Amino acid sequence: MDAKQLVDIACDEDPRAPCLWVPSDLWPDFCVAIRQKPNLIGAVIYRNKTIRDGGPYCDVTTRLP
């Protein structure tokens, strides 16, 4: 699965969560897949959620890394 598919699954599993964190190794691929660049604080908005780089060794999660 690619980064966008993993994020879509996480969004579907926890639809009420306002934020989502993506591992650093998947972050560039995810941004390319959704054709967005991170804003000044390093976040993108996708499916009405704030998506951020969660750092190395984290999972795609809606919980704080």
N, C-alpha and C. Protein backbone atom coordinates (compact mmCIF):
# COMPACT_ATOMS: atom_id res chain seq x y z
N MET A 1 0.84 -1.18 0.00
CA MET A 1 0.00 0.00 0.00
C MET A 1 0.88 1.25 0.00
N ASP A 2 0.40 2.26 -0.65
CA ASP A 2 1.15 3.51 -0.65
C ASP A 2 0.69 4.39 0.53
N ALA A 3 1.36 5.51 0.72
CA ALA A 3 1.11 6.39 1.86
C ALA A 3 -0.31 6.92 1.86
N LYS A 4 -0.83 7.30 0.71
CA LYS A 4 -2.18 7.86 0.63
C LYS A 4 -3.22 6.81 1.04
N GLN A 5 -3.04 5.58 0.62
CA GLN A 5 -3.97 4.52 0.99
C GLN A 5 -3.96 4.29 2.50
N LEU A 6 -2.78 4.31 3.11
CA LEU A 6 -2.68 4.14 4.56
C LEU A 6 -3.38 5.28 5.30
N VAL A 7 -3.23 6.50 4.81
CA VAL A 7 -3.89 7.64 5.43
C VAL A 7 -5.41 7.54 5.26
N ASP A 8 -5.86 7.11 4.08
CA ASP A 8 -7.30 6.93 3.86
C ASP A 8 -7.89 5.90 4.82
N ILE A 9 -7.16 4.81 5.05
CA ILE A 9 -7.63 3.78 5.98
C ILE A 9 -7.72 4.35 7.39
N ALA A 10 -6.69 5.09 7.81
CA ALA A 10 -6.70 5.69 9.15
C ALA A 10 -7.84 6.69 9.30
N CYS A 11 -8.12 7.46 8.27
CA CYS A 11 -9.23 8.42 8.31
C CYS A 11 -10.57 7.70 8.43
N ASP A 12 -10.71 6.59 7.73
CA ASP A 12 -11.96 5.82 7.79
C ASP A 12 -12.14 5.13 9.14
N GLU A 13 -11.04 4.68 9.75
CA GLU A 13 -11.13 3.98 11.02
C GLU A 13 -11.47 4.92 12.18
N ASP A 14 -11.06 6.17 12.11
CA ASP A 14 -11.32 7.13 13.18
C ASP A 14 -11.82 8.44 12.56
N PRO A 15 -13.07 8.45 12.05
CA PRO A 15 -13.56 9.62 11.31
C PRO A 15 -13.72 10.89 12.15
N ARG A 16 -13.80 10.78 13.46
CA ARG A 16 -14.01 11.97 14.30
C ARG A 16 -12.70 12.61 14.75
N ALA A 17 -11.58 11.95 14.51
CA ALA A 17 -10.28 12.50 14.92
C ALA A 17 -9.94 13.71 14.06
N PRO A 18 -9.52 14.81 14.68
CA PRO A 18 -9.21 16.02 13.90
C PRO A 18 -7.83 16.00 13.25
N CYS A 19 -6.91 15.17 13.78
CA CYS A 19 -5.52 15.18 13.31
C CYS A 19 -5.05 13.76 13.00
N LEU A 20 -4.00 13.71 12.19
CA LEU A 20 -3.40 12.43 11.85
C LEU A 20 -1.91 12.66 11.65
N TRP A 21 -1.10 11.71 12.12
CA TRP A 21 0.35 11.79 11.97
C TRP A 21 0.82 10.69 11.04
N VAL A 22 1.77 11.04 10.18
CA VAL A 22 2.31 10.12 9.18
C VAL A 22 3.81 9.99 9.44
N PRO A 23 4.37 8.77 9.34
CA PRO A 23 5.81 8.60 9.54
C PRO A 23 6.63 9.43 8.56
N SER A 24 7.80 9.86 9.01
CA SER A 24 8.67 10.71 8.18
C SER A 24 9.03 10.08 6.85
N ASP A 25 9.22 8.77 6.83
CA ASP A 25 9.60 8.13 5.57
C ASP A 25 8.46 8.10 4.56
N LEU A 26 7.21 8.20 5.01
CA LEU A 26 6.06 8.23 4.10
C LEU A 26 5.59 9.65 3.78
N TRP A 27 6.02 10.62 4.57
CA TRP A 27 5.53 12.00 4.45
C TRP A 27 5.73 12.59 3.04
N PRO A 28 6.95 12.54 2.46
CA PRO A 28 7.10 13.12 1.11
C PRO A 28 6.22 12.44 0.06
N ASP A 29 6.10 11.12 0.13
CA ASP A 29 5.26 10.39 -0.82
C ASP A 29 3.79 10.78 -0.67
N PHE A 30 3.35 10.95 0.57
CA PHE A 30 1.97 11.35 0.81
C PHE A 30 1.69 12.73 0.22
N CYS A 31 2.58 13.68 0.46
CA CYS A 31 2.39 15.04 -0.05
C CYS A 31 2.35 15.06 -1.59
N VAL A 32 3.19 14.26 -2.22
CA VAL A 32 3.18 14.17 -3.68
C VAL A 32 1.87 13.54 -4.16
N ALA A 33 1.41 12.50 -3.47
CA ALA A 33 0.19 11.80 -3.87
C ALA A 33 -1.04 12.69 -3.82
N ILE A 34 -1.09 13.60 -2.84
CA ILE A 34 -2.27 14.48 -2.74
C ILE A 34 -2.02 15.84 -3.38
N ARG A 35 -0.84 16.02 -3.97
CA ARG A 35 -0.47 17.25 -4.68
C ARG A 35 -0.59 18.49 -3.82
N GLN A 36 -0.04 18.39 -2.61
CA GLN A 36 -0.01 19.54 -1.69
C GLN A 36 1.37 19.66 -1.09
N LYS A 37 1.71 20.88 -0.70
CA LYS A 37 2.94 21.14 0.04
C LYS A 37 2.54 21.51 1.46
N PRO A 38 3.34 21.12 2.44
CA PRO A 38 3.02 21.50 3.83
C PRO A 38 3.02 23.02 3.99
N ASN A 39 2.17 23.51 4.87
CA ASN A 39 2.12 24.96 5.15
C ASN A 39 3.28 25.34 6.07
N LEU A 40 3.28 26.54 6.59
CA LEU A 40 4.39 27.03 7.41
C LEU A 40 4.63 26.21 8.67
N ILE A 41 3.60 25.60 9.22
CA ILE A 41 3.80 24.79 10.42
C ILE A 41 4.02 23.31 10.08
N GLY A 42 4.09 23.00 8.80
CA GLY A 42 4.40 21.64 8.38
C GLY A 42 3.22 20.70 8.28
N ALA A 43 2.03 21.24 8.09
CA ALA A 43 0.83 20.42 8.02
C ALA A 43 0.14 20.59 6.66
N VAL A 44 -0.63 19.59 6.28
CA VAL A 44 -1.51 19.69 5.12
C VAL A 44 -2.92 19.34 5.58
N ILE A 45 -3.89 19.83 4.86
CA ILE A 45 -5.29 19.50 5.15
C ILE A 45 -5.74 18.49 4.10
N TYR A 46 -6.24 17.37 4.56
CA TYR A 46 -6.70 16.31 3.67
C TYR A 46 -7.90 15.65 4.32
N ARG A 47 -8.99 15.56 3.59
CA ARG A 47 -10.23 14.97 4.09
C ARG A 47 -10.67 15.63 5.41
N ASN A 48 -10.56 16.95 5.46
CA ASN A 48 -10.96 17.75 6.62
C ASN A 48 -10.18 17.40 7.89
N LYS A 49 -8.97 16.90 7.72
CA LYS A 49 -8.10 16.60 8.85
C LYS A 49 -6.77 17.30 8.66
N THR A 50 -6.14 17.66 9.77
CA THR A 50 -4.79 18.19 9.74
C THR A 50 -3.85 16.99 9.75
N ILE A 51 -3.02 16.89 8.73
CA ILE A 51 -2.08 15.77 8.61
C ILE A 51 -0.68 16.34 8.80
N ARG A 52 0.11 15.70 9.69
CA ARG A 52 1.46 16.19 9.98
C ARG A 52 2.46 15.06 9.94
N ASP A 53 3.72 15.44 9.82
CA ASP A 53 4.83 14.50 9.90
C ASP A 53 4.97 14.07 11.36
N GLY A 54 4.85 12.78 11.61
CA GLY A 54 4.91 12.28 12.98
C GLY A 54 6.30 11.92 13.45
N GLY A 55 7.29 12.09 12.59
CA GLY A 55 8.65 11.75 12.98
C GLY A 55 9.00 10.32 12.59
N PRO A 56 10.25 9.96 12.81
CA PRO A 56 10.67 8.61 12.43
C PRO A 56 10.06 7.55 13.36
N TYR A 57 9.87 6.39 12.82
CA TYR A 57 9.44 5.20 13.58
C TYR A 57 8.05 5.30 14.18
N CYS A 58 7.21 6.21 13.70
CA CYS A 58 5.83 6.23 14.20
C CYS A 58 4.95 5.48 13.20
N ASP A 59 3.73 5.23 13.59
CA ASP A 59 2.74 4.62 12.71
C ASP A 59 1.85 5.71 12.16
N VAL A 60 1.07 5.39 11.11
CA VAL A 60 0.04 6.30 10.67
C VAL A 60 -1.03 6.22 11.76
N THR A 61 -1.23 7.31 12.49
CA THR A 61 -2.08 7.26 13.67
C THR A 61 -2.85 8.55 13.87
N THR A 62 -3.97 8.45 14.56
CA THR A 62 -4.75 9.62 14.94
C THR A 62 -4.45 10.02 16.37
N ARG A 63 -3.59 9.29 17.02
CA ARG A 63 -3.17 9.59 18.39
C ARG A 63 -1.85 10.34 18.36
N LEU A 64 -1.53 11.05 19.40
CA LEU A 64 -0.26 11.76 19.47
C LEU A 64 0.89 10.77 19.38
N PRO A 65 1.90 11.11 18.58
CA PRO A 65 3.04 10.19 18.46
C PRO A 65 3.89 10.20 19.72
